[in-house]
Amino acid sequence: MTDIESYGLIAYDIDTKAEVLHWQNVAATSVFYTAGHTIIDGPNRWLVVGLRTTSTARVKQVDVRRFVTK
């Protein structure tokens, strides 16, 4: 990862192809979301299934699937 303080995170639901998250200023020192990570956004939980090739150091684009607990 390059030497940046924060990045934008955009997540797309792989089932609907819709953008489900658009976070700005995610601290680069906190977490870098990759396949297997869980993103918690209020009551919603998303499982990261992959990083898109269109991602850059400043904007990470990930594909996610709704995390359902049984």
C-alpha atoms as a PDB file:
ATOM      1  CA  MET A   1       0.000   0.000   0.000  1.00  0.00           C
ATOM      2  CA  THR A   2       1.256   3.460  -0.780  1.00  0.00           C
ATOM      3  CA  ASP A   3       2.009   6.063   1.843  1.00  0.00           C
ATOM      4  CA  ILE A   4      -1.437   7.655   2.263  1.00  0.00           C
ATOM      5  CA  GLU A   5      -3.359   8.595   5.399  1.00  0.00           C
ATOM      6  CA  SER A   6      -6.824   7.610   4.183  1.00  0.00           C
ATOM      7  CA  TYR A   7      -8.692   6.175   1.236  1.00  0.00           C
ATOM      8  CA  GLY A   8     -12.229   5.899  -0.097  1.00  0.00           C
ATOM      9  CA  LEU A   9     -14.045   2.566   0.009  1.00  0.00           C
ATOM     10  CA  ILE A  10     -16.786   1.681  -2.455  1.00  0.00           C
ATOM     11  CA  ALA A  11     -18.528  -1.677  -2.107  1.00  0.00           C
ATOM     12  CA  TYR A  12     -20.754  -3.369  -4.693  1.00  0.00           C
ATOM     13  CA  ASP A  13     -23.222  -6.175  -3.971  1.00  0.00           C
ATOM     14  CA  ILE A  14     -22.215  -9.011  -6.324  1.00  0.00           C
ATOM     15  CA  ASP A  15     -25.794 -10.292  -6.490  1.00  0.00           C
ATOM     16  CA  THR A  16     -27.506  -7.022  -7.459  1.00  0.00           C
ATOM     17  CA  LYS A  17     -24.474  -5.157  -8.898  1.00  0.00           C
ATOM     18  CA  ALA A  18     -25.612  -2.132  -6.851  1.00  0.00           C
ATOM     19  CA  GLU A  19     -23.305   0.136  -4.883  1.00  0.00           C
ATOM     20  CA  VAL A  20     -24.053  -0.534  -1.211  1.00  0.00           C
ATOM     21  CA  LEU A  21     -21.328   1.458   0.565  1.00  0.00           C
ATOM     22  CA  HIS A  22     -19.419   4.609  -0.221  1.00  0.00           C
ATOM     23  CA  TRP A  23     -17.168   5.568   2.643  1.00  0.00           C
ATOM     24  CA  GLN A  24     -14.715   8.418   2.484  1.00  0.00           C
ATOM     25  CA  ASN A  25     -11.616   8.919   4.606  1.00  0.00           C
ATOM     26  CA  VAL A  26     -11.123   5.354   5.819  1.00  0.00           C
ATOM     27  CA  ALA A  27      -7.946   5.446   7.904  1.00  0.00           C
ATOM     28  CA  ALA A  28      -5.239   3.646   5.973  1.00  0.00           C
ATOM     29  CA  THR A  29      -3.709   2.498   9.250  1.00  0.00           C
ATOM     30  CA  SER A  30      -6.928   0.863  10.515  1.00  0.00           C
ATOM     31  CA  VAL A  31      -7.859  -1.855   8.024  1.00  0.00           C
ATOM     32  CA  PHE A  32      -7.459  -2.693   4.369  1.00  0.00           C
ATOM     33  CA  TYR A  33     -10.534  -4.668   3.343  1.00  0.00           C
ATOM     34  CA  THR A  34      -9.741  -7.787   1.339  1.00  0.00           C
ATOM     35  CA  ALA A  35     -11.506 -11.075   0.610  1.00  0.00           C
ATOM     36  CA  GLY A  36     -12.755 -12.652   3.805  1.00  0.00           C
ATOM     37  CA  HIS A  37     -13.147  -9.433   5.804  1.00  0.00           C
ATOM     38  CA  THR A  38     -16.559  -8.485   7.174  1.00  0.00           C
ATOM     39  CA  ILE A  39     -17.733  -4.889   6.840  1.00  0.00           C
ATOM     40  CA  ILE A  40     -20.251  -3.780   9.458  1.00  0.00           C
ATOM     41  CA  ASP A  41     -22.386  -0.813   8.461  1.00  0.00           C
ATOM     42  CA  GLY A  42     -25.069  -0.261  11.076  1.00  0.00           C
ATOM     43  CA  PRO A  43     -27.396  -3.270  10.978  1.00  0.00           C
ATOM     44  CA  ASN A  44     -25.895  -4.540   7.703  1.00  0.00           C
ATOM     45  CA  ARG A  45     -22.985  -6.937   7.458  1.00  0.00           C
ATOM     46  CA  TRP A  46     -21.142  -7.518   4.203  1.00  0.00           C
ATOM     47  CA  LEU A  47     -18.594 -10.217   3.394  1.00  0.00           C
ATOM     48  CA  VAL A  48     -15.835  -8.971   1.107  1.00  0.00           C
ATOM     49  CA  VAL A  49     -15.404 -11.457  -1.734  1.00  0.00           C
ATOM     50  CA  GLY A  50     -12.810  -9.603  -3.767  1.00  0.00           C
ATOM     51  CA  LEU A  51     -10.960  -6.414  -4.621  1.00  0.00           C
ATOM     52  CA  ARG A  52     -11.778  -4.942  -8.033  1.00  0.00           C
ATOM     53  CA  THR A  53      -8.939  -4.418 -10.490  1.00  0.00           C
ATOM     54  CA  THR A  54     -10.128  -0.822 -10.967  1.00  0.00           C
ATOM     55  CA  SER A  55      -9.074   0.024  -7.402  1.00  0.00           C
ATOM     56  CA  THR A  56      -6.382   2.615  -6.813  1.00  0.00           C
ATOM     57  CA  ALA A  57      -4.362   3.617  -3.757  1.00  0.00           C
ATOM     58  CA  ARG A  58      -6.882   6.371  -3.017  1.00  0.00           C
ATOM     59  CA  VAL A  59     -10.120   4.523  -3.870  1.00  0.00           C
ATOM     60  CA  LYS A  60     -10.590   0.841  -3.059  1.00  0.00           C
ATOM     61  CA  GLN A  61     -13.471  -0.895  -4.825  1.00  0.00           C
ATOM     62  CA  VAL A  62     -14.614  -4.226  -3.424  1.00  0.00           C
ATOM     63  CA  ASP A  63     -17.260  -6.775  -4.259  1.00  0.00           C
ATOM     64  CA  VAL A  64     -19.358  -7.894  -1.297  1.00  0.00           C
ATOM     65  CA  ARG A  65     -22.144 -10.287  -0.449  1.00  0.00           C
ATOM     66  CA  ARG A  66     -24.716  -9.724   2.306  1.00  0.00           C
ATOM     67  CA  PHE A  67     -23.642 -11.651   5.384  1.00  0.00           C
ATOM     68  CA  VAL A  68     -26.546 -13.631   6.775  1.00  0.00           C
ATOM     69  CA  THR A  69     -26.366 -15.245  10.194  1.00  0.00           C
ATOM     70  CA  LYS A  70     -28.410 -18.367  10.857  1.00  0.00           C
END
